[in-house]
Amino acid sequence: MAQALRDKVVAVTGGFGILGRAVGEAAIAAGAKVALIDRARRPDNLSASLAGALALGEMDIATAEGAGRAIDGVVRQLGGVDGLVAVAGGFRFERLEEGDLATWDLMYTINLKTAVATAKAALPLLLARQGRIVTISAGAAMKSGAGMGAYAASKAGVARFTESLSEEVKKRGMTVNAILPSIIDTPQNRADMPKADFSAWVRPEEIADAVVFLLSPQASAITGALIPISGRV
């Protein structure tokens, strides 16, 4: 979608990770000015295609204060926010019987609170520009499996939050949608499941293309959608 996001400012949480970088690259290719936001330090190995991105590291975006600082940094350096992509998150496989309740708090914090806190911080700016929010939920939010309770519950929270916020703002020109991937083809997932058929998985670039579409004017009629991207899983 060449130049579909021309001159738009897109903030990507979890921006230093595999999916966050793919979203950033796709948004830049579509003409956007991109801010990558992450709790980690700025990596030294950002690709050449991300050379023009604003990289904001060491941001605790699970808190109102940290999310506010991150969004303020984007506004200060890029002039505003037109789109927010809530990629930040993580995964834990843990069965309840031998597991720890702290895992549930962790999944809630990194998967759901980061999305809620950054959306709240950016909301006035997005409403002023009739902007876009895209969250990353998961296929497991709709149908979970053994050992995925904490993760699936937090991602279900992301899906319900997306639906709720879309209802709150849909008459004010904003859109809020969620992507629900199955297994994403990342080096970590390949290491964890070495005998799997990697060709059936979803590539980060495929998810990024869908995100760019949802950020674009062409998707103005889509809001409150939970869009599965399942590959051949």
C-alpha atoms as a PDB file:
ATOM      1  CA  MET A   1       0.000   0.000   0.000  1.00  0.00           C
ATOM      2  CA  ALA A   2       2.423   2.621  -1.235  1.00  0.00           C
ATOM      3  CA  GLN A   3       2.095   5.938   0.600  1.00  0.00           C
ATOM      4  CA  ALA A   4      -1.238   4.957   2.217  1.00  0.00           C
ATOM      5  CA  LEU A   5       0.071   6.513   5.450  1.00  0.00           C
ATOM      6  CA  ARG A   6       1.833   9.494   3.926  1.00  0.00           C
ATOM      7  CA  ASP A   7       2.751  12.051   6.629  1.00  0.00           C
ATOM      8  CA  LYS A   8       0.907  10.126   9.345  1.00  0.00           C
ATOM      9  CA  VAL A   9       2.574   9.525  12.730  1.00  0.00           C
ATOM     10  CA  VAL A  10       2.330   5.922  13.931  1.00  0.00           C
ATOM     11  CA  ALA A  11       3.429   4.808  17.399  1.00  0.00           C
ATOM     12  CA  VAL A  12       4.242   1.113  17.810  1.00  0.00           C
ATOM     13  CA  THR A  13       4.548  -0.384  21.292  1.00  0.00           C
ATOM     14  CA  GLY A  14       6.775  -3.417  21.630  1.00  0.00           C
ATOM     15  CA  GLY A  15       8.555  -1.772  18.759  1.00  0.00           C
ATOM     16  CA  PHE A  16      11.946  -3.426  19.279  1.00  0.00           C
ATOM     17  CA  GLY A  17      10.549  -6.960  18.970  1.00  0.00           C
ATOM     18  CA  ILE A  18      10.155  -9.073  15.837  1.00  0.00           C
ATOM     19  CA  LEU A  19       6.542  -8.083  15.135  1.00  0.00           C
ATOM     20  CA  GLY A  20       6.999  -4.487  16.260  1.00  0.00           C
ATOM     21  CA  ARG A  21       9.895  -4.003  13.857  1.00  0.00           C
ATOM     22  CA  ALA A  22       7.906  -5.546  11.004  1.00  0.00           C
ATOM     23  CA  VAL A  23       5.019  -3.168  11.685  1.00  0.00           C
ATOM     24  CA  GLY A  24       7.419  -0.235  11.838  1.00  0.00           C
ATOM     25  CA  GLU A  25       9.039  -1.173   8.534  1.00  0.00           C
ATOM     26  CA  ALA A  26       5.663  -1.599   6.809  1.00  0.00           C
ATOM     27  CA  ALA A  27       4.391   1.716   8.135  1.00  0.00           C
ATOM     28  CA  ILE A  28       7.524   3.555   6.986  1.00  0.00           C
ATOM     29  CA  ALA A  29       7.206   1.935   3.564  1.00  0.00           C
ATOM     30  CA  ALA A  30       3.635   3.271   3.465  1.00  0.00           C
ATOM     31  CA  GLY A  31       4.862   6.821   4.093  1.00  0.00           C
ATOM     32  CA  ALA A  32       4.418   7.137   7.861  1.00  0.00           C
ATOM     33  CA  LYS A  33       6.669   8.697  10.445  1.00  0.00           C
ATOM     34  CA  VAL A  34       7.164   5.920  13.006  1.00  0.00           C
ATOM     35  CA  ALA A  35       7.950   5.821  16.714  1.00  0.00           C
ATOM     36  CA  LEU A  36       9.070   2.505  18.184  1.00  0.00           C
ATOM     37  CA  ILE A  37       8.310   2.304  21.914  1.00  0.00           C
ATOM     38  CA  ASP A  38       9.662  -0.458  24.126  1.00  0.00           C
ATOM     39  CA  ARG A  39      10.582  -1.334  27.681  1.00  0.00           C
ATOM     40  CA  ALA A  40      13.954  -2.625  26.498  1.00  0.00           C
ATOM     41  CA  ARG A  41      16.947  -0.471  25.696  1.00  0.00           C
ATOM     42  CA  ARG A  42      17.315   0.711  22.136  1.00  0.00           C
ATOM     43  CA  PRO A  43      18.939  -2.146  20.198  1.00  0.00           C
ATOM     44  CA  ASP A  44      22.043  -1.619  18.111  1.00  0.00           C
ATOM     45  CA  ASN A  45      20.804  -3.803  15.261  1.00  0.00           C
ATOM     46  CA  LEU A  46      17.786  -1.938  13.912  1.00  0.00           C
ATOM     47  CA  SER A  47      17.544  -2.535  10.179  1.00  0.00           C
ATOM     48  CA  ALA A  48      18.393   0.137   7.638  1.00  0.00           C
ATOM     49  CA  SER A  49      14.698   0.381   6.797  1.00  0.00           C
ATOM     50  CA  LEU A  50      14.081   1.563  10.368  1.00  0.00           C
ATOM     51  CA  ALA A  51      16.892   4.118  10.341  1.00  0.00           C
ATOM     52  CA  GLY A  52      14.399   6.976  10.188  1.00  0.00           C
ATOM     53  CA  ALA A  53      12.255   5.743  13.064  1.00  0.00           C
ATOM     54  CA  LEU A  54      12.153   7.407  16.466  1.00  0.00           C
ATOM     55  CA  ALA A  55      13.273   4.773  19.007  1.00  0.00           C
ATOM     56  CA  LEU A  56      12.070   5.307  22.574  1.00  0.00           C
ATOM     57  CA  GLY A  57      13.523   2.672  24.878  1.00  0.00           C
ATOM     58  CA  GLU A  58      13.244   1.929  28.597  1.00  0.00           C
ATOM     59  CA  MET A  59       9.582   2.946  28.710  1.00  0.00           C
ATOM     60  CA  ASP A  60       7.339   1.246  31.281  1.00  0.00           C
ATOM     61  CA  ILE A  61       4.117   1.578  29.326  1.00  0.00           C
ATOM     62  CA  ALA A  62       2.100  -0.592  31.721  1.00  0.00           C
ATOM     63  CA  THR A  63       1.712   2.483  33.951  1.00  0.00           C
ATOM     64  CA  ALA A  64      -0.161   5.691  33.271  1.00  0.00           C
ATOM     65  CA  GLU A  65       2.961   7.729  33.947  1.00  0.00           C
ATOM     66  CA  GLY A  66       5.220   5.669  31.692  1.00  0.00           C
ATOM     67  CA  ALA A  67       2.701   5.530  28.868  1.00  0.00           C
ATOM     68  CA  GLY A  68       2.206   9.276  29.161  1.00  0.00           C
ATOM     69  CA  ARG A  69       5.953   9.892  28.925  1.00  0.00           C
ATOM     70  CA  ALA A  70       6.192   7.701  25.850  1.00  0.00           C
ATOM     71  CA  ILE A  71       3.340   9.412  24.018  1.00  0.00           C
ATOM     72  CA  ASP A  72       4.647  12.847  25.063  1.00  0.00           C
ATOM     73  CA  GLY A  73       7.998  11.897  23.548  1.00  0.00           C
ATOM     74  CA  VAL A  74       6.333  10.993  20.268  1.00  0.00           C
ATOM     75  CA  VAL A  75       4.414  14.273  20.166  1.00  0.00           C
ATOM     76  CA  ARG A  76       7.484  16.297  21.074  1.00  0.00           C
ATOM     77  CA  GLN A  77       9.650  14.802  18.347  1.00  0.00           C
ATOM     78  CA  LEU A  78       7.151  13.892  15.612  1.00  0.00           C
ATOM     79  CA  GLY A  79       4.395  16.429  16.162  1.00  0.00           C
ATOM     80  CA  GLY A  80       1.422  14.263  17.112  1.00  0.00           C
ATOM     81  CA  VAL A  81      -0.091  10.788  16.858  1.00  0.00           C
ATOM     82  CA  ASP A  82      -2.372   9.497  14.098  1.00  0.00           C
ATOM     83  CA  GLY A  83      -2.118   5.782  14.808  1.00  0.00           C
ATOM     84  CA  LEU A  84      -1.268   3.542  17.739  1.00  0.00           C
ATOM     85  CA  VAL A  85      -0.339  -0.114  17.262  1.00  0.00           C
ATOM     86  CA  ALA A  86      -0.314  -2.021  20.561  1.00  0.00           C
ATOM     87  CA  VAL A  87       2.115  -4.848  19.874  1.00  0.00           C
ATOM     88  CA  ALA A  88       3.763  -5.017  23.320  1.00  0.00           C
ATOM     89  CA  GLY A  89       3.204  -8.343  25.031  1.00  0.00           C
ATOM     90  CA  GLY A  90       4.544 -11.747  25.871  1.00  0.00           C
ATOM     91  CA  PHE A  91       3.745 -15.435  26.277  1.00  0.00           C
ATOM     92  CA  ARG A  92       4.026 -18.011  29.037  1.00  0.00           C
ATOM     93  CA  PHE A  93       3.122 -21.693  28.787  1.00  0.00           C
ATOM     94  CA  GLU A  94       2.168 -22.863  32.257  1.00  0.00           C
ATOM     95  CA  ARG A  95      -0.348 -25.406  33.507  1.00  0.00           C
ATOM     96  CA  LEU A  96      -2.418 -24.307  36.482  1.00  0.00           C
ATOM     97  CA  GLU A  97      -1.581 -27.311  38.657  1.00  0.00           C
ATOM     98  CA  GLU A  98       2.150 -26.623  38.860  1.00  0.00           C
ATOM     99  CA  GLY A  99       1.955 -22.946  37.910  1.00  0.00           C
ATOM    100  CA  ASP A 100       2.134 -19.684  39.789  1.00  0.00           C
ATOM    101  CA  LEU A 101      -0.588 -17.058  40.158  1.00  0.00           C
ATOM    102  CA  ALA A 102       2.097 -14.437  39.511  1.00  0.00           C
ATOM    103  CA  THR A 103       2.059 -15.573  35.872  1.00  0.00           C
ATOM    104  CA  TRP A 104      -1.528 -14.362  35.575  1.00  0.00           C
ATOM    105  CA  ASP A 105      -0.534 -10.932  36.884  1.00  0.00           C
ATOM    106  CA  LEU A 106       2.411 -10.837  34.471  1.00  0.00           C
ATOM    107  CA  MET A 107       0.303 -11.701  31.419  1.00  0.00           C
ATOM    108  CA  TYR A 108      -2.367  -9.190  32.436  1.00  0.00           C
ATOM    109  CA  THR A 109       0.254  -6.481  32.835  1.00  0.00           C
ATOM    110  CA  ILE A 110       2.303  -6.957  29.679  1.00  0.00           C
ATOM    111  CA  ASN A 111      -0.505  -7.959  27.311  1.00  0.00           C
ATOM    112  CA  LEU A 112      -3.505  -5.931  28.469  1.00  0.00           C
ATOM    113  CA  LYS A 113      -2.375  -3.056  30.683  1.00  0.00           C
ATOM    114  CA  THR A 114       0.208  -1.891  28.164  1.00  0.00           C
ATOM    115  CA  ALA A 115      -2.504  -1.611  25.504  1.00  0.00           C
ATOM    116  CA  VAL A 116      -4.943   0.150  27.836  1.00  0.00           C
ATOM    117  CA  ALA A 117      -2.386   2.589  29.261  1.00  0.00           C
ATOM    118  CA  THR A 118      -0.982   3.678  25.906  1.00  0.00           C
ATOM    119  CA  ALA A 119      -4.458   3.940  24.366  1.00  0.00           C
ATOM    120  CA  LYS A 120      -5.581   6.181  27.223  1.00  0.00           C
ATOM    121  CA  ALA A 121      -2.476   8.358  26.931  1.00  0.00           C
ATOM    122  CA  ALA A 122      -2.884   8.751  23.164  1.00  0.00           C
ATOM    123  CA  LEU A 123      -6.674   9.009  23.066  1.00  0.00           C
ATOM    124  CA  PRO A 124      -7.067  12.820  23.105  1.00  0.00           C
ATOM    125  CA  LEU A 125      -4.571  13.120  20.253  1.00  0.00           C
ATOM    126  CA  LEU A 126      -6.196  10.324  18.246  1.00  0.00           C
ATOM    127  CA  LEU A 127      -9.683  11.767  18.710  1.00  0.00           C
ATOM    128  CA  ALA A 128      -8.462  15.161  17.510  1.00  0.00           C
ATOM    129  CA  ARG A 129      -7.117  13.582  14.315  1.00  0.00           C
ATOM    130  CA  GLN A 130      -9.770  10.876  13.854  1.00  0.00           C
ATOM    131  CA  GLY A 131      -6.967   8.386  14.311  1.00  0.00           C
ATOM    132  CA  ARG A 132      -6.592   4.637  14.469  1.00  0.00           C
ATOM    133  CA  ILE A 133      -5.776   2.047  17.110  1.00  0.00           C
ATOM    134  CA  VAL A 134      -4.788  -1.505  16.203  1.00  0.00           C
ATOM    135  CA  THR A 135      -4.253  -3.997  19.004  1.00  0.00           C
ATOM    136  CA  ILE A 136      -2.642  -7.424  18.823  1.00  0.00           C
ATOM    137  CA  SER A 137      -4.792 -10.045  20.506  1.00  0.00           C
ATOM    138  CA  ALA A 138      -4.414 -13.758  19.630  1.00  0.00           C
ATOM    139  CA  GLY A 139      -6.287 -16.672  18.180  1.00  0.00           C
ATOM    140  CA  ALA A 140      -6.075 -18.210  21.660  1.00  0.00           C
ATOM    141  CA  ALA A 141      -8.364 -15.430  22.891  1.00  0.00           C
ATOM    142  CA  MET A 142     -11.219 -17.200  21.137  1.00  0.00           C
ATOM    143  CA  LYS A 143     -10.194 -20.822  21.793  1.00  0.00           C
ATOM    144  CA  SER A 144      -7.504 -21.636  24.310  1.00  0.00           C
ATOM    145  CA  GLY A 145      -5.559 -24.785  25.032  1.00  0.00           C
ATOM    146  CA  ALA A 146      -3.819 -26.570  27.885  1.00  0.00           C
ATOM    147  CA  GLY A 147      -1.148 -24.471  29.554  1.00  0.00           C
ATOM    148  CA  MET A 148      -2.327 -21.276  27.881  1.00  0.00           C
ATOM    149  CA  GLY A 149      -4.846 -20.047  30.447  1.00  0.00           C
ATOM    150  CA  ALA A 150      -3.044 -16.922  31.646  1.00  0.00           C
ATOM    151  CA  TYR A 151      -1.944 -15.901  28.167  1.00  0.00           C
ATOM    152  CA  ALA A 152      -5.328 -16.571  26.562  1.00  0.00           C
ATOM    153  CA  ALA A 153      -7.224 -14.756  29.304  1.00  0.00           C
ATOM    154  CA  SER A 154      -5.065 -11.655  28.900  1.00  0.00           C
ATOM    155  CA  LYS A 155      -5.421 -11.709  25.126  1.00  0.00           C
ATOM    156  CA  ALA A 156      -9.186 -12.166  25.489  1.00  0.00           C
ATOM    157  CA  GLY A 157      -9.035  -9.026  27.597  1.00  0.00           C
ATOM    158  CA  VAL A 158      -7.325  -7.241  24.712  1.00  0.00           C
ATOM    159  CA  ALA A 159     -10.104  -8.352  22.363  1.00  0.00           C
ATOM    160  CA  ARG A 160     -12.890  -7.210  24.704  1.00  0.00           C
ATOM    161  CA  PHE A 161     -11.081  -3.917  25.370  1.00  0.00           C
ATOM    162  CA  THR A 162     -10.819  -3.341  21.626  1.00  0.00           C
ATOM    163  CA  GLU A 163     -14.535  -3.919  21.132  1.00  0.00           C
ATOM    164  CA  SER A 164     -15.452  -1.687  24.051  1.00  0.00           C
ATOM    165  CA  LEU A 165     -13.215   1.214  23.050  1.00  0.00           C
ATOM    166  CA  SER A 166     -14.441   1.038  19.460  1.00  0.00           C
ATOM    167  CA  GLU A 167     -17.997   1.531  20.724  1.00  0.00           C
ATOM    168  CA  GLU A 168     -16.909   4.493  22.835  1.00  0.00           C
ATOM    169  CA  VAL A 169     -15.312   6.393  19.951  1.00  0.00           C
ATOM    170  CA  LYS A 170     -16.936   5.153  16.749  1.00  0.00           C
ATOM    171  CA  LYS A 171     -19.176   8.222  16.373  1.00  0.00           C
ATOM    172  CA  ARG A 172     -16.155  10.505  16.700  1.00  0.00           C
ATOM    173  CA  GLY A 173     -14.310   9.339  13.604  1.00  0.00           C
ATOM    174  CA  MET A 174     -11.815   6.963  15.231  1.00  0.00           C
ATOM    175  CA  THR A 175     -11.430   3.266  14.507  1.00  0.00           C
ATOM    176  CA  VAL A 176     -10.235   0.570  16.907  1.00  0.00           C
ATOM    177  CA  ASN A 177      -9.552  -2.951  15.645  1.00  0.00           C
ATOM    178  CA  ALA A 178      -7.672  -6.064  16.702  1.00  0.00           C
ATOM    179  CA  ILE A 179      -5.554  -8.619  14.880  1.00  0.00           C
ATOM    180  CA  LEU A 180      -5.729 -12.199  16.188  1.00  0.00           C
ATOM    181  CA  PRO A 181      -2.679 -14.126  14.940  1.00  0.00           C
ATOM    182  CA  SER A 182      -2.114 -17.833  15.323  1.00  0.00           C
ATOM    183  CA  ILE A 183       1.531 -18.926  15.691  1.00  0.00           C
ATOM    184  CA  ILE A 184       3.886 -16.222  14.416  1.00  0.00           C
ATOM    185  CA  ASP A 185       6.996 -17.371  12.585  1.00  0.00           C
ATOM    186  CA  THR A 186       9.744 -16.034  14.849  1.00  0.00           C
ATOM    187  CA  PRO A 187      13.167 -17.438  15.773  1.00  0.00           C
ATOM    188  CA  GLN A 188      11.962 -18.057  19.328  1.00  0.00           C
ATOM    189  CA  ASN A 189       8.903 -20.012  18.199  1.00  0.00           C
ATOM    190  CA  ARG A 190      11.053 -22.082  15.842  1.00  0.00           C
ATOM    191  CA  ALA A 191      13.420 -22.863  18.713  1.00  0.00           C
ATOM    192  CA  ASP A 192      10.527 -23.804  21.004  1.00  0.00           C
ATOM    193  CA  MET A 193       8.783 -25.987  18.384  1.00  0.00           C
ATOM    194  CA  PRO A 194      11.576 -27.347  16.165  1.00  0.00           C
ATOM    195  CA  LYS A 195       9.478 -30.166  14.680  1.00  0.00           C
ATOM    196  CA  ALA A 196       6.598 -27.918  13.579  1.00  0.00           C
ATOM    197  CA  ASP A 197       5.771 -27.034   9.983  1.00  0.00           C
ATOM    198  CA  PHE A 198       7.032 -23.453   9.920  1.00  0.00           C
ATOM    199  CA  SER A 199       5.487 -22.851   6.506  1.00  0.00           C
ATOM    200  CA  ALA A 200       2.025 -23.061   8.083  1.00  0.00           C
ATOM    201  CA  TRP A 201       2.739 -20.219  10.475  1.00  0.00           C
ATOM    202  CA  VAL A 202       2.024 -16.521   9.954  1.00  0.00           C
ATOM    203  CA  ARG A 203       4.980 -14.342   8.994  1.00  0.00           C
ATOM    204  CA  PRO A 204       5.365 -11.038  10.889  1.00  0.00           C
ATOM    205  CA  GLU A 205       5.321  -9.197   7.553  1.00  0.00           C
ATOM    206  CA  GLU A 206       1.864 -10.589   6.777  1.00  0.00           C
ATOM    207  CA  ILE A 207       0.511  -9.268  10.059  1.00  0.00           C
ATOM    208  CA  ALA A 208       2.227  -5.922   9.435  1.00  0.00           C
ATOM    209  CA  ASP A 209       0.526  -5.573   6.054  1.00  0.00           C
ATOM    210  CA  ALA A 210      -2.871  -6.078   7.695  1.00  0.00           C
ATOM    211  CA  VAL A 211      -2.015  -3.511  10.368  1.00  0.00           C
ATOM    212  CA  VAL A 212      -1.055  -0.925   7.747  1.00  0.00           C
ATOM    213  CA  PHE A 213      -4.354  -1.497   5.973  1.00  0.00           C
ATOM    214  CA  LEU A 214      -6.288  -0.931   9.224  1.00  0.00           C
ATOM    215  CA  LEU A 215      -4.329   2.289   9.804  1.00  0.00           C
ATOM    216  CA  SER A 216      -5.095   3.548   6.297  1.00  0.00           C
ATOM    217  CA  PRO A 217      -8.010   5.646   4.995  1.00  0.00           C
ATOM    218  CA  GLN A 218      -9.180   2.601   3.032  1.00  0.00           C
ATOM    219  CA  ALA A 219     -10.201   0.957   6.327  1.00  0.00           C
ATOM    220  CA  SER A 220     -12.288   3.880   7.603  1.00  0.00           C
ATOM    221  CA  ALA A 221     -15.473   1.774   7.658  1.00  0.00           C
ATOM    222  CA  ILE A 222     -13.919  -0.999   9.790  1.00  0.00           C
ATOM    223  CA  THR A 223     -14.062  -0.686  13.567  1.00  0.00           C
ATOM    224  CA  GLY A 224     -14.564  -3.079  16.444  1.00  0.00           C
ATOM    225  CA  ALA A 225     -13.340  -5.936  14.264  1.00  0.00           C
ATOM    226  CA  LEU A 226     -11.419  -8.945  15.567  1.00  0.00           C
ATOM    227  CA  ILE A 227      -9.520 -10.153  12.517  1.00  0.00           C
ATOM    228  CA  PRO A 228      -7.950 -13.627  12.619  1.00  0.00           C
ATOM    229  CA  ILE A 229      -4.706 -14.120  10.736  1.00  0.00           C
ATOM    230  CA  SER A 230      -4.172 -17.826  11.054  1.00  0.00           C
ATOM    231  CA  GLY A 231      -1.961 -18.831   8.158  1.00  0.00           C
ATOM    232  CA  ARG A 232      -2.438 -22.569   7.664  1.00  0.00           C
ATOM    233  CA  VAL A 233      -2.454 -23.513  11.348  1.00  0.00           C
END
